[in-house]
Amino acid sequence: MNDSDVTGANPASSAPSPSSTPEQAFAALLEGNRRFVDGDALHPHQDEARRRLLETGQAPYATVLGCSDSRVPVELLFDQGFGDVFVSRNAGHVLGRSMQASVEFAVAVLGVRVVLVLGHESCGAVGATVEAIQEGTQLPGEMPILVEHVRDHLDPEDPAARAVEAHVLGTLDELRERSSIVREAEERGEIVLAGAVYGLAGGAVRVVSGPEV
């Protein structure tokens, strides 16, 4: 199965063509969010024909590293369907080894053209980190690992200042630093690497790092 077979499954979809640039693919992802916000969602690639077409392979055009928060359903808020977006999620979108490997798989094996780190307002992991810095509190069980991953991205003097955005930008920096696969793909112009914050009330995705579209 090739990219054109997968992308052409639903003519109503605004998913980018296989020949589109990473910047055009990024613009298509954001356009899906605009449809979602405006109440004009197409709900593309969600029928039986699309599911059957994907039985033997996938060719998503974007990967999203996001938070597990139940209020942030990635495919819905970008108005995407089966096979469009490769999503990796954990609490606070912290970049552990498995999350890094998932992003690298999307870039090196699946050939995505967009890598997006997506934070969101009122993130519990970020809020817990701010509280830990300010008040010395500690989460039970294995949850302190979330604080460990987020802490270095925040301003130690004022950790609450634009904390979610700071964590998104810090995660991007870590991804570039740790992953030669991602870094070199960006340098070659094969992917757009971007960061954004999702607004819970309005539903809009605000880009904090990435190309202007």
C-alpha atoms as a PDB file:
ATOM      1  CA  MET A   1       0.000   0.000   0.000  1.00  0.00           C
ATOM      2  CA  ASN A   2       1.419   3.417  -0.908  1.00  0.00           C
ATOM      3  CA  ASP A   3       0.706   6.897   0.392  1.00  0.00           C
ATOM      4  CA  SER A   4      -1.605   7.826  -2.468  1.00  0.00           C
ATOM      5  CA  ASP A   5      -3.766   4.769  -1.807  1.00  0.00           C
ATOM      6  CA  VAL A   6      -4.214   5.729   1.829  1.00  0.00           C
ATOM      7  CA  THR A   7      -4.660   9.470   1.383  1.00  0.00           C
ATOM      8  CA  GLY A   8      -7.226   9.088  -1.358  1.00  0.00           C
ATOM      9  CA  ALA A   9      -9.678   7.039   0.694  1.00  0.00           C
ATOM     10  CA  ASN A  10     -12.090   9.901   1.340  1.00  0.00           C
ATOM     11  CA  PRO A  11     -12.425  12.746  -1.176  1.00  0.00           C
ATOM     12  CA  ALA A  12     -14.086  14.926   1.476  1.00  0.00           C
ATOM     13  CA  SER A  13     -10.918  14.943   3.546  1.00  0.00           C
ATOM     14  CA  SER A  14      -8.592  17.932   3.518  1.00  0.00           C
ATOM     15  CA  ALA A  15      -5.601  15.778   4.459  1.00  0.00           C
ATOM     16  CA  PRO A  16      -2.479  16.838   2.544  1.00  0.00           C
ATOM     17  CA  SER A  17      -1.432  14.928  -0.553  1.00  0.00           C
ATOM     18  CA  PRO A  18       1.693  12.745  -0.469  1.00  0.00           C
ATOM     19  CA  SER A  19       3.490  15.391  -2.546  1.00  0.00           C
ATOM     20  CA  SER A  20       2.778  18.269  -0.165  1.00  0.00           C
ATOM     21  CA  THR A  21       5.592  19.913   1.767  1.00  0.00           C
ATOM     22  CA  PRO A  22       5.964  19.592   5.545  1.00  0.00           C
ATOM     23  CA  GLU A  23       4.786  23.189   5.863  1.00  0.00           C
ATOM     24  CA  GLN A  24       1.667  22.421   3.821  1.00  0.00           C
ATOM     25  CA  ALA A  25       1.036  19.334   5.931  1.00  0.00           C
ATOM     26  CA  PHE A  26       1.325  21.425   9.097  1.00  0.00           C
ATOM     27  CA  ALA A  27      -1.114  23.960   7.650  1.00  0.00           C
ATOM     28  CA  ALA A  28      -3.568  21.134   6.902  1.00  0.00           C
ATOM     29  CA  LEU A  29      -3.372  19.926  10.500  1.00  0.00           C
ATOM     30  CA  LEU A  30      -4.103  23.412  11.824  1.00  0.00           C
ATOM     31  CA  GLU A  31      -6.917  23.871   9.320  1.00  0.00           C
ATOM     32  CA  GLY A  32      -8.538  20.792  10.831  1.00  0.00           C
ATOM     33  CA  ASN A  33      -8.459  22.492  14.213  1.00  0.00           C
ATOM     34  CA  ARG A  34     -10.045  25.603  12.755  1.00  0.00           C
ATOM     35  CA  ARG A  35     -12.880  23.487  11.366  1.00  0.00           C
ATOM     36  CA  PHE A  36     -13.303  21.916  14.800  1.00  0.00           C
ATOM     37  CA  VAL A  37     -13.455  25.301  16.524  1.00  0.00           C
ATOM     38  CA  ASP A  38     -15.884  26.740  13.958  1.00  0.00           C
ATOM     39  CA  GLY A  39     -18.224  23.762  14.162  1.00  0.00           C
ATOM     40  CA  ASP A  40     -17.495  22.799  10.545  1.00  0.00           C
ATOM     41  CA  ALA A  41     -15.746  19.486  11.160  1.00  0.00           C
ATOM     42  CA  LEU A  42     -15.680  17.114   8.190  1.00  0.00           C
ATOM     43  CA  HIS A  43     -15.141  13.981  10.308  1.00  0.00           C
ATOM     44  CA  PRO A  44     -12.974  12.589   7.514  1.00  0.00           C
ATOM     45  CA  HIS A  45     -11.659   9.053   7.116  1.00  0.00           C
ATOM     46  CA  GLN A  46     -14.059   7.545   9.645  1.00  0.00           C
ATOM     47  CA  ASP A  47     -16.030   5.105   7.495  1.00  0.00           C
ATOM     48  CA  GLU A  48     -15.771   1.375   6.866  1.00  0.00           C
ATOM     49  CA  ALA A  49     -14.003   1.845   3.533  1.00  0.00           C
ATOM     50  CA  ARG A  50     -11.204   3.778   5.224  1.00  0.00           C
ATOM     51  CA  ARG A  51     -10.814   1.155   7.938  1.00  0.00           C
ATOM     52  CA  ARG A  52     -10.562  -1.610   5.354  1.00  0.00           C
ATOM     53  CA  LEU A  53      -8.045   0.342   3.298  1.00  0.00           C
ATOM     54  CA  LEU A  54      -5.751   0.541   6.312  1.00  0.00           C
ATOM     55  CA  GLU A  55      -5.790  -3.178   7.120  1.00  0.00           C
ATOM     56  CA  THR A  56      -2.376  -3.757   5.554  1.00  0.00           C
ATOM     57  CA  GLY A  57      -0.544  -0.544   6.392  1.00  0.00           C
ATOM     58  CA  GLN A  58      -0.585   3.085   7.418  1.00  0.00           C
ATOM     59  CA  ALA A  59       0.852   6.357   6.149  1.00  0.00           C
ATOM     60  CA  PRO A  60      -0.017   9.112   8.651  1.00  0.00           C
ATOM     61  CA  TYR A  61       1.159  12.575   7.706  1.00  0.00           C
ATOM     62  CA  ALA A  62       1.721  13.850  11.256  1.00  0.00           C
ATOM     63  CA  THR A  63       2.694  12.609  14.674  1.00  0.00           C
ATOM     64  CA  VAL A  64       1.517  14.304  17.853  1.00  0.00           C
ATOM     65  CA  LEU A  65       3.271  13.944  21.191  1.00  0.00           C
ATOM     66  CA  GLY A  66       0.539  14.893  23.619  1.00  0.00           C
ATOM     67  CA  CYS A  67      -0.872  14.556  27.110  1.00  0.00           C
ATOM     68  CA  SER A  68      -3.146  11.691  28.159  1.00  0.00           C
ATOM     69  CA  ASP A  69      -5.720  14.147  29.543  1.00  0.00           C
ATOM     70  CA  SER A  70      -9.212  12.950  28.609  1.00  0.00           C
ATOM     71  CA  ARG A  71     -10.182  16.501  27.629  1.00  0.00           C
ATOM     72  CA  VAL A  72      -7.663  16.545  24.770  1.00  0.00           C
ATOM     73  CA  PRO A  73      -8.738  13.952  22.167  1.00  0.00           C
ATOM     74  CA  VAL A  74      -6.169  14.626  19.472  1.00  0.00           C
ATOM     75  CA  GLU A  75      -7.981  13.246  16.417  1.00  0.00           C
ATOM     76  CA  LEU A  76     -11.186  15.099  17.329  1.00  0.00           C
ATOM     77  CA  LEU A  77      -9.639  18.499  17.941  1.00  0.00           C
ATOM     78  CA  PHE A  78      -7.718  18.332  14.650  1.00  0.00           C
ATOM     79  CA  ASP A  79     -10.701  16.852  12.747  1.00  0.00           C
ATOM     80  CA  GLN A  80      -8.753  13.801  11.599  1.00  0.00           C
ATOM     81  CA  GLY A  81      -9.692  10.173  11.069  1.00  0.00           C
ATOM     82  CA  PHE A  82      -8.272   6.688  10.815  1.00  0.00           C
ATOM     83  CA  GLY A  83      -4.693   6.653   9.593  1.00  0.00           C
ATOM     84  CA  ASP A  84      -4.142  10.419   9.510  1.00  0.00           C
ATOM     85  CA  VAL A  85      -2.251  11.050  12.742  1.00  0.00           C
ATOM     86  CA  PHE A  86       0.170   8.891  14.727  1.00  0.00           C
ATOM     87  CA  VAL A  87      -0.454   9.841  18.371  1.00  0.00           C
ATOM     88  CA  SER A  88       1.749   9.187  21.409  1.00  0.00           C
ATOM     89  CA  ARG A  89       0.372  10.274  24.779  1.00  0.00           C
ATOM     90  CA  ASN A  90       1.283  10.152  28.444  1.00  0.00           C
ATOM     91  CA  ALA A  91       0.583  12.393  31.419  1.00  0.00           C
ATOM     92  CA  GLY A  92       2.254  15.728  30.752  1.00  0.00           C
ATOM     93  CA  HIS A  93       3.713  14.632  27.366  1.00  0.00           C
ATOM     94  CA  VAL A  94       7.002  13.848  29.124  1.00  0.00           C
ATOM     95  CA  LEU A  95       9.770  12.664  26.832  1.00  0.00           C
ATOM     96  CA  GLY A  96      10.864   9.308  28.210  1.00  0.00           C
ATOM     97  CA  ARG A  97      12.633   6.693  26.111  1.00  0.00           C
ATOM     98  CA  SER A  98       9.478   4.997  24.844  1.00  0.00           C
ATOM     99  CA  MET A  99       7.917   8.306  23.814  1.00  0.00           C
ATOM    100  CA  GLN A 100      11.089   9.315  22.008  1.00  0.00           C
ATOM    101  CA  ALA A 101      11.178   5.942  20.264  1.00  0.00           C
ATOM    102  CA  SER A 102       7.562   6.390  19.170  1.00  0.00           C
ATOM    103  CA  VAL A 103       8.317   9.766  17.610  1.00  0.00           C
ATOM    104  CA  GLU A 104      11.416   8.350  15.922  1.00  0.00           C
ATOM    105  CA  PHE A 105       9.370   5.457  14.542  1.00  0.00           C
ATOM    106  CA  ALA A 106       6.877   7.923  13.078  1.00  0.00           C
ATOM    107  CA  VAL A 107       9.671   9.911  11.414  1.00  0.00           C
ATOM    108  CA  ALA A 108      12.039   7.166  10.276  1.00  0.00           C
ATOM    109  CA  VAL A 109       9.579   4.369   9.430  1.00  0.00           C
ATOM    110  CA  LEU A 110       6.197   5.956   8.750  1.00  0.00           C
ATOM    111  CA  GLY A 111       7.568   9.056   7.051  1.00  0.00           C
ATOM    112  CA  VAL A 112       5.449  11.689   8.772  1.00  0.00           C
ATOM    113  CA  ARG A 113       6.005  15.278   7.706  1.00  0.00           C
ATOM    114  CA  VAL A 114       4.904  16.948  10.938  1.00  0.00           C
ATOM    115  CA  VAL A 115       6.050  16.356  14.518  1.00  0.00           C
ATOM    116  CA  LEU A 116       3.920  18.335  16.972  1.00  0.00           C
ATOM    117  CA  VAL A 117       4.372  18.591  20.735  1.00  0.00           C
ATOM    118  CA  LEU A 118       0.929  19.481  22.085  1.00  0.00           C
ATOM    119  CA  GLY A 119       0.405  20.816  25.586  1.00  0.00           C
ATOM    120  CA  HIS A 120      -2.883  22.040  27.001  1.00  0.00           C
ATOM    121  CA  GLU A 121      -4.262  24.483  29.521  1.00  0.00           C
ATOM    122  CA  SER A 122      -4.742  23.258  33.108  1.00  0.00           C
ATOM    123  CA  CYS A 123      -2.311  20.363  32.653  1.00  0.00           C
ATOM    124  CA  GLY A 124      -2.222  18.332  35.869  1.00  0.00           C
ATOM    125  CA  ALA A 125       1.395  17.242  35.471  1.00  0.00           C
ATOM    126  CA  VAL A 126       2.558  20.822  34.946  1.00  0.00           C
ATOM    127  CA  GLY A 127       0.414  22.037  37.836  1.00  0.00           C
ATOM    128  CA  ALA A 128       1.832  19.358  40.132  1.00  0.00           C
ATOM    129  CA  THR A 129       5.348  20.416  39.184  1.00  0.00           C
ATOM    130  CA  VAL A 130       4.624  24.062  39.940  1.00  0.00           C
ATOM    131  CA  GLU A 131       3.224  23.030  43.331  1.00  0.00           C
ATOM    132  CA  ALA A 132       6.239  20.818  44.028  1.00  0.00           C
ATOM    133  CA  ILE A 133       8.634  23.678  43.325  1.00  0.00           C
ATOM    134  CA  GLN A 134       6.665  26.267  45.285  1.00  0.00           C
ATOM    135  CA  GLU A 135       5.523  24.161  48.250  1.00  0.00           C
ATOM    136  CA  GLY A 136       7.760  21.101  48.277  1.00  0.00           C
ATOM    137  CA  THR A 137       4.872  18.682  47.822  1.00  0.00           C
ATOM    138  CA  GLN A 138       5.439  15.226  46.350  1.00  0.00           C
ATOM    139  CA  LEU A 139       3.179  12.890  44.433  1.00  0.00           C
ATOM    140  CA  PRO A 140       2.737   9.251  45.516  1.00  0.00           C
ATOM    141  CA  GLY A 141       3.880   6.107  43.742  1.00  0.00           C
ATOM    142  CA  GLU A 142       5.764   6.547  40.482  1.00  0.00           C
ATOM    143  CA  MET A 143       4.149   9.894  39.733  1.00  0.00           C
ATOM    144  CA  PRO A 144       7.161  11.992  40.859  1.00  0.00           C
ATOM    145  CA  ILE A 145       8.819  11.036  37.564  1.00  0.00           C
ATOM    146  CA  LEU A 146       6.408  13.439  35.887  1.00  0.00           C
ATOM    147  CA  VAL A 147       7.689  16.273  38.045  1.00  0.00           C
ATOM    148  CA  GLU A 148      11.273  15.302  37.286  1.00  0.00           C
ATOM    149  CA  HIS A 149      10.650  15.601  33.550  1.00  0.00           C
ATOM    150  CA  VAL A 150       8.766  18.906  33.734  1.00  0.00           C
ATOM    151  CA  ARG A 151      10.767  20.743  36.419  1.00  0.00           C
ATOM    152  CA  ASP A 152      13.754  21.722  34.287  1.00  0.00           C
ATOM    153  CA  HIS A 153      11.534  23.386  31.711  1.00  0.00           C
ATOM    154  CA  LEU A 154      10.072  25.888  34.187  1.00  0.00           C
ATOM    155  CA  ASP A 155      11.458  29.127  35.592  1.00  0.00           C
ATOM    156  CA  PRO A 156      12.674  28.233  39.114  1.00  0.00           C
ATOM    157  CA  GLU A 157      12.033  31.804  40.256  1.00  0.00           C
ATOM    158  CA  ASP A 158       8.488  31.890  38.899  1.00  0.00           C
ATOM    159  CA  PRO A 159       7.499  28.358  37.851  1.00  0.00           C
ATOM    160  CA  ALA A 160       3.868  29.275  37.207  1.00  0.00           C
ATOM    161  CA  ALA A 161       4.810  31.827  34.540  1.00  0.00           C
ATOM    162  CA  ARG A 162       3.578  30.496  31.178  1.00  0.00           C
ATOM    163  CA  ALA A 163       4.291  27.057  32.594  1.00  0.00           C
ATOM    164  CA  VAL A 164       2.478  24.963  29.983  1.00  0.00           C
ATOM    165  CA  GLU A 165       4.093  26.848  27.113  1.00  0.00           C
ATOM    166  CA  ALA A 166       7.498  26.591  28.762  1.00  0.00           C
ATOM    167  CA  HIS A 167       7.081  22.824  29.100  1.00  0.00           C
ATOM    168  CA  VAL A 168       6.131  22.479  25.434  1.00  0.00           C
ATOM    169  CA  LEU A 169       9.198  24.464  24.376  1.00  0.00           C
ATOM    170  CA  GLY A 170      11.392  22.476  26.756  1.00  0.00           C
ATOM    171  CA  THR A 171      10.103  19.212  25.324  1.00  0.00           C
ATOM    172  CA  LEU A 172      10.940  20.419  21.816  1.00  0.00           C
ATOM    173  CA  ASP A 173      14.463  21.289  22.927  1.00  0.00           C
ATOM    174  CA  GLU A 174      14.870  17.855  24.500  1.00  0.00           C
ATOM    175  CA  LEU A 175      13.611  16.121  21.379  1.00  0.00           C
ATOM    176  CA  ARG A 176      16.114  17.953  19.204  1.00  0.00           C
ATOM    177  CA  GLU A 177      18.942  17.305  21.648  1.00  0.00           C
ATOM    178  CA  ARG A 178      18.272  13.625  22.312  1.00  0.00           C
ATOM    179  CA  SER A 179      17.122  12.374  18.923  1.00  0.00           C
ATOM    180  CA  SER A 180      19.485  12.557  15.978  1.00  0.00           C
ATOM    181  CA  ILE A 181      16.707  11.039  13.844  1.00  0.00           C
ATOM    182  CA  VAL A 182      14.354  13.930  14.530  1.00  0.00           C
ATOM    183  CA  ARG A 183      17.038  16.622  14.520  1.00  0.00           C
ATOM    184  CA  GLU A 184      18.537  15.552  11.213  1.00  0.00           C
ATOM    185  CA  ALA A 185      15.135  15.142   9.562  1.00  0.00           C
ATOM    186  CA  GLU A 186      14.328  18.717  10.548  1.00  0.00           C
ATOM    187  CA  GLU A 187      17.688  19.960   9.285  1.00  0.00           C
ATOM    188  CA  ARG A 188      17.088  18.246   5.937  1.00  0.00           C
ATOM    189  CA  GLY A 189      13.668  19.894   5.665  1.00  0.00           C
ATOM    190  CA  GLU A 190      11.854  16.563   5.765  1.00  0.00           C
ATOM    191  CA  ILE A 191       9.675  17.469   8.757  1.00  0.00           C
ATOM    192  CA  VAL A 192       8.214  20.450  10.524  1.00  0.00           C
ATOM    193  CA  LEU A 193       8.913  20.267  14.266  1.00  0.00           C
ATOM    194  CA  ALA A 194       6.450  22.439  16.157  1.00  0.00           C
ATOM    195  CA  GLY A 195       4.878  23.081  19.542  1.00  0.00           C
ATOM    196  CA  ALA A 196       1.387  24.221  20.467  1.00  0.00           C
ATOM    197  CA  VAL A 197      -1.008  24.657  23.378  1.00  0.00           C
ATOM    198  CA  TYR A 198      -4.648  23.581  23.271  1.00  0.00           C
ATOM    199  CA  GLY A 199      -7.265  25.807  24.903  1.00  0.00           C
ATOM    200  CA  LEU A 200      -9.841  23.745  26.785  1.00  0.00           C
ATOM    201  CA  ALA A 201     -12.706  26.217  26.626  1.00  0.00           C
ATOM    202  CA  GLY A 202     -12.423  27.538  23.079  1.00  0.00           C
ATOM    203  CA  GLY A 203     -10.917  24.435  21.497  1.00  0.00           C
ATOM    204  CA  ALA A 204      -8.256  26.340  19.564  1.00  0.00           C
ATOM    205  CA  VAL A 205      -4.665  25.183  19.178  1.00  0.00           C
ATOM    206  CA  ARG A 206      -2.171  28.038  19.612  1.00  0.00           C
ATOM    207  CA  VAL A 207       1.202  27.514  17.965  1.00  0.00           C
ATOM    208  CA  VAL A 208       4.098  28.540  20.200  1.00  0.00           C
ATOM    209  CA  SER A 209       6.919  27.260  18.011  1.00  0.00           C
ATOM    210  CA  GLY A 210       6.899  26.410  14.327  1.00  0.00           C
ATOM    211  CA  PRO A 211       6.414  27.912  10.884  1.00  0.00           C
ATOM    212  CA  GLU A 212       3.892  30.650  10.225  1.00  0.00           C
ATOM    213  CA  VAL A 213       0.886  29.306   8.343  1.00  0.00           C
END
